[in-house]
């Protein structure tokens, strides 16, 4: 926000994307840290900030892979 983003900027966190245990949180930028802590999100996670968060099309999301983290190679 110190760089000029509005506190109401849409934000999202996706934990364990594309695998069993995937979770998603959508919130505003000013509540992002608080909501992540309350819901106990952890690594690996992806953070998305900006209006792009509002363009999610859930019906076109790929199915979750039948694997768990960490993935063994």
PDB file of N, CA and C in Angstrom:
ATOM      1  N   UNK A   1       0.826  -1.181   0.000  1.00  0.00           N
ATOM      2  CA  UNK A   1       0.000   0.000   0.000  1.00  0.00           C
ATOM      3  C   UNK A   1       0.873   1.247   0.000  1.00  0.00           C
ATOM      4  N   UNK A   2       2.073   1.124   0.554  1.00  0.00           N
ATOM      5  CA  UNK A   2       2.965   2.276   0.560  1.00  0.00           C
ATOM      6  C   UNK A   2       3.403   2.648  -0.851  1.00  0.00           C
ATOM      7  N   UNK A   3       3.252   1.711  -1.796  1.00  0.00           N
ATOM      8  CA  UNK A   3       3.611   1.974  -3.189  1.00  0.00           C
ATOM      9  C   UNK A   3       2.442   2.540  -3.986  1.00  0.00           C
ATOM     10  N   UNK A   4       1.304   2.750  -3.326  1.00  0.00           N
ATOM     11  CA  UNK A   4       0.187   3.374  -4.002  1.00  0.00           C
ATOM     12  C   UNK A   4      -1.032   2.499  -4.235  1.00  0.00           C
ATOM     13  N   UNK A   5      -1.001   1.234  -3.860  1.00  0.00           N
ATOM     14  CA  UNK A   5      -2.173   0.372  -4.019  1.00  0.00           C
ATOM     15  C   UNK A   5      -3.243   0.770  -3.009  1.00  0.00           C
ATOM     16  N   UNK A   6      -4.484   0.689  -3.435  1.00  0.00           N
ATOM     17  CA  UNK A   6      -5.606   0.942  -2.538  1.00  0.00           C
ATOM     18  C   UNK A   6      -5.687  -0.176  -1.500  1.00  0.00           C
ATOM     19  N   UNK A   7      -6.059   0.138  -0.270  1.00  0.00           N
ATOM     20  CA  UNK A   7      -6.260  -0.911   0.733  1.00  0.00           C
ATOM     21  C   UNK A   7      -7.325  -1.928   0.317  1.00  0.00           C
ATOM     22  N   UNK A   8      -8.227  -1.521  -0.579  1.00  0.00           N
ATOM     23  CA  UNK A   8      -9.300  -2.405  -1.031  1.00  0.00           C
ATOM     24  C   UNK A   8      -8.921  -3.231  -2.257  1.00  0.00           C
ATOM     25  N   UNK A   9      -7.671  -3.181  -2.689  1.00  0.00           N
ATOM     26  CA  UNK A   9      -7.218  -3.952  -3.843  1.00  0.00           C
ATOM     27  C   UNK A   9      -7.509  -5.438  -3.622  1.00  0.00           C
ATOM     28  N   UNK A  10      -8.171  -6.091  -4.581  1.00  0.00           N
ATOM     29  CA  UNK A  10      -8.446  -7.522  -4.437  1.00  0.00           C
ATOM     30  C   UNK A  10      -7.148  -8.318  -4.338  1.00  0.00           C
ATOM     31  N   UNK A  11      -7.153  -9.332  -3.470  1.00  0.00           N
ATOM     32  CA  UNK A  11      -5.979 -10.163  -3.243  1.00  0.00           C
ATOM     33  C   UNK A  11      -6.426 -11.598  -3.028  1.00  0.00           C
ATOM     34  N   UNK A  12      -5.544 -12.520  -3.347  1.00  0.00           N
ATOM     35  CA  UNK A  12      -5.855 -13.935  -3.142  1.00  0.00           C
ATOM     36  C   UNK A  12      -4.588 -14.689  -2.782  1.00  0.00           C
ATOM     37  N   UNK A  13      -4.774 -15.785  -2.069  1.00  0.00           N
ATOM     38  CA  UNK A  13      -3.683 -16.705  -1.761  1.00  0.00           C
ATOM     39  C   UNK A  13      -4.182 -18.098  -2.123  1.00  0.00           C
ATOM     40  N   UNK A  14      -3.354 -18.843  -2.852  1.00  0.00           N
ATOM     41  CA  UNK A  14      -3.674 -20.221  -3.193  1.00  0.00           C
ATOM     42  C   UNK A  14      -2.588 -21.093  -2.584  1.00  0.00           C
ATOM     43  N   UNK A  15      -2.987 -21.976  -1.694  1.00  0.00           N
ATOM     44  CA  UNK A  15      -2.043 -22.882  -1.033  1.00  0.00           C
ATOM     45  C   UNK A  15      -2.129 -24.248  -1.698  1.00  0.00           C
ATOM     46  N   UNK A  16      -0.998 -24.874  -1.949  1.00  0.00           N
ATOM     47  CA  UNK A  16      -0.897 -26.204  -2.553  1.00  0.00           C
ATOM     48  C   UNK A  16      -1.697 -26.287  -3.849  1.00  0.00           C
ATOM     49  N   UNK A  17      -1.482 -25.319  -4.731  1.00  0.00           N
ATOM     50  CA  UNK A  17      -2.233 -25.249  -5.985  1.00  0.00           C
ATOM     51  C   UNK A  17      -2.106 -26.526  -6.802  1.00  0.00           C
ATOM     52  N   UNK A  18      -3.214 -26.983  -7.298  1.00  0.00           N
ATOM     53  CA  UNK A  18      -3.382 -28.130  -8.213  1.00  0.00           C
ATOM     54  C   UNK A  18      -3.201 -29.495  -7.577  1.00  0.00           C
ATOM     55  N   UNK A  19      -3.003 -29.584  -6.265  1.00  0.00           N
ATOM     56  CA  UNK A  19      -2.882 -30.894  -5.615  1.00  0.00           C
ATOM     57  C   UNK A  19      -3.873 -31.009  -4.466  1.00  0.00           C
ATOM     58  N   UNK A  20      -4.029 -32.239  -3.962  1.00  0.00           N
ATOM     59  CA  UNK A  20      -4.922 -32.477  -2.829  1.00  0.00           C
ATOM     60  C   UNK A  20      -4.552 -31.531  -1.693  1.00  0.00           C
ATOM     61  N   UNK A  21      -5.513 -30.901  -1.082  1.00  0.00           N
ATOM     62  CA  UNK A  21      -5.262 -29.945  -0.011  1.00  0.00           C
ATOM     63  C   UNK A  21      -5.255 -28.503  -0.476  1.00  0.00           C
ATOM     64  N   UNK A  22      -5.537 -28.284  -1.766  1.00  0.00           N
ATOM     65  CA  UNK A  22      -5.561 -26.914  -2.288  1.00  0.00           C
ATOM     66  C   UNK A  22      -6.595 -26.083  -1.530  1.00  0.00           C
ATOM     67  N   UNK A  23      -6.172 -24.874  -1.166  1.00  0.00           N
ATOM     68  CA  UNK A  23      -7.079 -23.927  -0.507  1.00  0.00           C
ATOM     69  C   UNK A  23      -6.895 -22.569  -1.151  1.00  0.00           C
ATOM     70  N   UNK A  24      -7.968 -21.790  -1.152  1.00  0.00           N
ATOM     71  CA  UNK A  24      -7.926 -20.456  -1.742  1.00  0.00           C
ATOM     72  C   UNK A  24      -8.572 -19.460  -0.786  1.00  0.00           C
ATOM     73  N   UNK A  25      -7.953 -18.318  -0.666  1.00  0.00           N
ATOM     74  CA  UNK A  25      -8.462 -17.230   0.167  1.00  0.00           C
ATOM     75  C   UNK A  25      -8.539 -15.979  -0.689  1.00  0.00           C
ATOM     76  N   UNK A  26      -9.691 -15.338  -0.710  1.00  0.00           N
ATOM     77  CA  UNK A  26      -9.848 -14.050  -1.388  1.00  0.00           C
ATOM     78  C   UNK A  26     -10.185 -13.009  -0.331  1.00  0.00           C
ATOM     79  N   UNK A  27      -9.483 -11.877  -0.402  1.00  0.00           N
ATOM     80  CA  UNK A  27      -9.679 -10.810   0.580  1.00  0.00           C
ATOM     81  C   UNK A  27      -9.157  -9.505  -0.008  1.00  0.00           C
ATOM     82  N   UNK A  28      -9.252  -8.438   0.744  1.00  0.00           N
ATOM     83  CA  UNK A  28      -8.675  -7.168   0.303  1.00  0.00           C
ATOM     84  C   UNK A  28      -7.235  -7.076   0.805  1.00  0.00           C
ATOM     85  N   UNK A  29      -6.445  -6.258   0.136  1.00  0.00           N
ATOM     86  CA  UNK A  29      -5.033  -6.138   0.448  1.00  0.00           C
ATOM     87  C   UNK A  29      -4.797  -5.753   1.913  1.00  0.00           C
ATOM     88  N   UNK A  30      -5.636  -4.865   2.446  1.00  0.00           N
ATOM     89  CA  UNK A  30      -5.429  -4.421   3.823  1.00  0.00           C
ATOM     90  C   UNK A  30      -5.749  -5.502   4.861  1.00  0.00           C
ATOM     91  N   UNK A  31      -6.418  -6.579   4.465  1.00  0.00           N
ATOM     92  CA  UNK A  31      -6.731  -7.669   5.394  1.00  0.00           C
ATOM     93  C   UNK A  31      -5.963  -8.950   5.073  1.00  0.00           C
ATOM     94  N   UNK A  32      -5.106  -8.900   4.057  1.00  0.00           N
ATOM     95  CA  UNK A  32      -4.433 -10.104   3.578  1.00  0.00           C
ATOM     96  C   UNK A  32      -3.613 -10.795   4.659  1.00  0.00           C
ATOM     97  N   UNK A  33      -2.718 -10.084   5.298  1.00  0.00           N
ATOM     98  CA  UNK A  33      -1.851 -10.700   6.323  1.00  0.00           C
ATOM     99  C   UNK A  33      -2.685 -11.265   7.463  1.00  0.00           C
ATOM    100  N   UNK A  34      -3.637 -10.495   7.944  1.00  0.00           N
ATOM    101  CA  UNK A  34      -4.486 -10.937   9.055  1.00  0.00           C
ATOM    102  C   UNK A  34      -5.264 -12.202   8.675  1.00  0.00           C
ATOM    103  N   UNK A  35      -5.885 -12.220   7.498  1.00  0.00           N
ATOM    104  CA  UNK A  35      -6.688 -13.371   7.085  1.00  0.00           C
ATOM    105  C   UNK A  35      -5.826 -14.616   6.855  1.00  0.00           C
ATOM    106  N   UNK A  36      -4.626 -14.440   6.309  1.00  0.00           N
ATOM    107  CA  UNK A  36      -3.707 -15.570   6.113  1.00  0.00           C
ATOM    108  C   UNK A  36      -3.329 -16.169   7.467  1.00  0.00           C
ATOM    109  N   UNK A  37      -3.047 -15.330   8.442  1.00  0.00           N
ATOM    110  CA  UNK A  37      -2.687 -15.824   9.776  1.00  0.00           C
ATOM    111  C   UNK A  37      -3.865 -16.523  10.438  1.00  0.00           C
ATOM    112  N   UNK A  38      -5.056 -15.948  10.356  1.00  0.00           N
ATOM    113  CA  UNK A  38      -6.244 -16.543  10.979  1.00  0.00           C
ATOM    114  C   UNK A  38      -6.536 -17.917  10.386  1.00  0.00           C
ATOM    115  N   UNK A  39      -6.418 -18.027   9.054  1.00  0.00           N
ATOM    116  CA  UNK A  39      -6.742 -19.290   8.394  1.00  0.00           C
ATOM    117  C   UNK A  39      -5.535 -20.232   8.286  1.00  0.00           C
ATOM    118  N   UNK A  40      -4.400 -19.806   8.851  1.00  0.00           N
ATOM    119  CA  UNK A  40      -3.189 -20.620   8.953  1.00  0.00           C
ATOM    120  C   UNK A  40      -2.704 -21.147   7.603  1.00  0.00           C
ATOM    121  N   UNK A  41      -2.632 -20.260   6.618  1.00  0.00           N
ATOM    122  CA  UNK A  41      -2.042 -20.619   5.329  1.00  0.00           C
ATOM    123  C   UNK A  41      -0.539 -20.742   5.508  1.00  0.00           C
ATOM    124  N   UNK A  42       0.078 -21.626   4.734  1.00  0.00           N
ATOM    125  CA  UNK A  42       1.528 -21.817   4.813  1.00  0.00           C
ATOM    126  C   UNK A  42       2.075 -22.126   3.425  1.00  0.00           C
ATOM    127  N   UNK A  43       3.361 -22.369   3.343  1.00  0.00           N
ATOM    128  CA  UNK A  43       4.004 -22.708   2.080  1.00  0.00           C
ATOM    129  C   UNK A  43       3.656 -24.140   1.685  1.00  0.00           C
ATOM    130  N   UNK A  44       3.637 -24.434   0.425  1.00  0.00           N
ATOM    131  CA  UNK A  44       3.800 -23.530  -0.701  1.00  0.00           C
ATOM    132  C   UNK A  44       2.496 -22.807  -1.010  1.00  0.00           C
ATOM    133  N   UNK A  45       2.587 -21.518  -1.227  1.00  0.00           N
ATOM    134  CA  UNK A  45       1.428 -20.694  -1.551  1.00  0.00           C
ATOM    135  C   UNK A  45       1.800 -19.674  -2.610  1.00  0.00           C
ATOM    136  N   UNK A  46       0.804 -19.274  -3.379  1.00  0.00           N
ATOM    137  CA  UNK A  46       0.953 -18.239  -4.395  1.00  0.00           C
ATOM    138  C   UNK A  46       0.090 -17.062  -3.964  1.00  0.00           C
ATOM    139  N   UNK A  47       0.625 -15.846  -4.071  1.00  0.00           N
ATOM    140  CA  UNK A  47      -0.125 -14.638  -3.723  1.00  0.00           C
ATOM    141  C   UNK A  47      -0.408 -13.869  -5.006  1.00  0.00           C
ATOM    142  N   UNK A  48      -1.667 -13.499  -5.204  1.00  0.00           N
ATOM    143  CA  UNK A  48      -2.079 -12.722  -6.371  1.00  0.00           C
ATOM    144  C   UNK A  48      -2.674 -11.416  -5.864  1.00  0.00           C
ATOM    145  N   UNK A  49      -2.215 -10.303  -6.405  1.00  0.00           N
ATOM    146  CA  UNK A  49      -2.701  -8.993  -5.980  1.00  0.00           C
ATOM    147  C   UNK A  49      -3.130  -8.203  -7.202  1.00  0.00           C
ATOM    148  N   UNK A  50      -4.356  -7.688  -7.168  1.00  0.00           N
ATOM    149  CA  UNK A  50      -4.842  -6.849  -8.257  1.00  0.00           C
ATOM    150  C   UNK A  50      -6.204  -7.282  -8.756  1.00  0.00           C
ATOM    151  N   UNK A  51      -6.740  -6.514  -9.681  1.00  0.00           N
ATOM    152  CA  UNK A  51      -8.078  -6.763 -10.217  1.00  0.00           C
ATOM    153  C   UNK A  51      -8.206  -8.124 -10.889  1.00  0.00           C
ATOM    154  N   UNK A  52      -7.087  -8.727 -11.292  1.00  0.00           N
ATOM    155  CA  UNK A  52      -7.128 -10.041 -11.930  1.00  0.00           C
ATOM    156  C   UNK A  52      -7.810 -11.074 -11.038  1.00  0.00           C
ATOM    157  N   UNK A  53      -7.771 -10.876  -9.731  1.00  0.00           N
ATOM    158  CA  UNK A  53      -8.415 -11.782  -8.785  1.00  0.00           C
ATOM    159  C   UNK A  53      -9.911 -11.902  -9.095  1.00  0.00           C
ATOM    160  N   UNK A  54     -10.521 -10.833  -9.577  1.00  0.00           N
ATOM    161  CA  UNK A  54     -11.957 -10.831  -9.859  1.00  0.00           C
ATOM    162  C   UNK A  54     -12.318 -11.525 -11.168  1.00  0.00           C
ATOM    163  N   UNK A  55     -11.335 -11.991 -11.913  1.00  0.00           N
ATOM    164  CA  UNK A  55     -11.600 -12.639 -13.195  1.00  0.00           C
ATOM    165  C   UNK A  55     -11.523 -14.154 -13.132  1.00  0.00           C
ATOM    166  N   UNK A  56     -11.471 -14.724 -11.935  1.00  0.00           N
ATOM    167  CA  UNK A  56     -11.412 -16.175 -11.789  1.00  0.00           C
ATOM    168  C   UNK A  56     -12.667 -16.809 -12.387  1.00  0.00           C
ATOM    169  N   UNK A  57     -12.477 -17.847 -13.175  1.00  0.00           N
ATOM    170  CA  UNK A  57     -13.586 -18.619 -13.729  1.00  0.00           C
ATOM    171  C   UNK A  57     -13.464 -20.023 -13.164  1.00  0.00           C
ATOM    172  N   UNK A  58     -14.170 -20.274 -12.075  1.00  0.00           N
ATOM    173  CA  UNK A  58     -14.011 -21.536 -11.359  1.00  0.00           C
ATOM    174  C   UNK A  58     -14.373 -22.744 -12.209  1.00  0.00           C
ATOM    175  N   UNK A  59     -15.323 -22.589 -13.121  1.00  0.00           N
ATOM    176  CA  UNK A  59     -15.746 -23.729 -13.935  1.00  0.00           C
ATOM    177  C   UNK A  59     -14.668 -24.184 -14.912  1.00  0.00           C
ATOM    178  N   UNK A  60     -13.658 -23.349 -15.156  1.00  0.00           N
ATOM    179  CA  UNK A  60     -12.597 -23.746 -16.079  1.00  0.00           C
ATOM    180  C   UNK A  60     -11.309 -24.143 -15.362  1.00  0.00           C
ATOM    181  N   UNK A  61     -11.347 -24.225 -14.041  1.00  0.00           N
ATOM    182  CA  UNK A  61     -10.159 -24.616 -13.276  1.00  0.00           C
ATOM    183  C   UNK A  61      -9.847 -26.093 -13.516  1.00  0.00           C
ATOM    184  N   UNK A  62      -8.572 -26.451 -13.612  1.00  0.00           N
ATOM    185  CA  UNK A  62      -8.226 -27.860 -13.818  1.00  0.00           C
ATOM    186  C   UNK A  62      -8.562 -28.673 -12.574  1.00  0.00           C
ATOM    187  N   UNK A  63      -8.839 -29.953 -12.744  1.00  0.00           N
ATOM    188  CA  UNK A  63      -9.107 -30.787 -11.568  1.00  0.00           C
ATOM    189  C   UNK A  63      -7.840 -30.921 -10.723  1.00  0.00           C
ATOM    190  N   UNK A  64      -8.022 -31.119  -9.440  1.00  0.00           N
ATOM    191  CA  UNK A  64      -6.906 -31.282  -8.517  1.00  0.00           C
ATOM    192  C   UNK A  64      -6.253 -32.642  -8.759  1.00  0.00           C
ATOM    193  N   UNK A  65      -4.930 -32.660  -8.834  1.00  0.00           N
ATOM    194  CA  UNK A  65      -4.190 -33.912  -9.034  1.00  0.00           C
ATOM    195  C   UNK A  65      -4.243 -34.754  -7.765  1.00  0.00           C
ATOM    196  N   UNK A  66      -4.245 -36.052  -7.924  1.00  0.00           N
ATOM    197  CA  UNK A  66      -4.340 -36.964  -6.792  1.00  0.00           C
ATOM    198  C   UNK A  66      -2.958 -37.222  -6.181  1.00  0.00           C
ATOM    199  N   UNK A  67      -2.304 -36.125  -5.750  1.00  0.00           N
ATOM    200  CA  UNK A  67      -1.026 -36.197  -5.057  1.00  0.00           C
ATOM    201  C   UNK A  67      -1.067 -35.239  -3.877  1.00  0.00           C
ATOM    202  N   UNK A  68      -0.179 -35.441  -2.937  1.00  0.00           N
ATOM    203  CA  UNK A  68      -0.090 -34.561  -1.775  1.00  0.00           C
ATOM    204  C   UNK A  68       1.297 -33.944  -1.721  1.00  0.00           C
ATOM    205  N   UNK A  69       1.414 -32.850  -0.979  1.00  0.00           N
ATOM    206  CA  UNK A  69       2.685 -32.162  -0.824  1.00  0.00           C
ATOM    207  C   UNK A  69       3.424 -32.750   0.363  1.00  0.00           C
ATOM    208  N   UNK A  70       4.725 -32.829   0.393  1.00  0.00           N
ATOM    209  CA  UNK A  70       5.599 -32.547  -0.738  1.00  0.00           C
ATOM    210  C   UNK A  70       5.526 -33.665  -1.763  1.00  0.00           C
ATOM    211  N   UNK A  71       5.747 -33.314  -3.012  1.00  0.00           N
ATOM    212  CA  UNK A  71       5.714 -34.289  -4.096  1.00  0.00           C
ATOM    213  C   UNK A  71       7.077 -34.949  -4.194  1.00  0.00           C
ATOM    214  N   UNK A  72       7.098 -36.274  -4.143  1.00  0.00           N
ATOM    215  CA  UNK A  72       8.355 -37.017  -4.250  1.00  0.00           C
ATOM    216  C   UNK A  72       8.653 -37.281  -5.713  1.00  0.00           C
ATOM    217  N   UNK A  73       9.892 -37.108  -6.090  1.00  0.00           N
ATOM    218  CA  UNK A  73      10.307 -37.366  -7.474  1.00  0.00           C
ATOM    219  C   UNK A  73      11.167 -38.598  -7.542  1.00  0.00           C
TER     220      UNK A  73
END
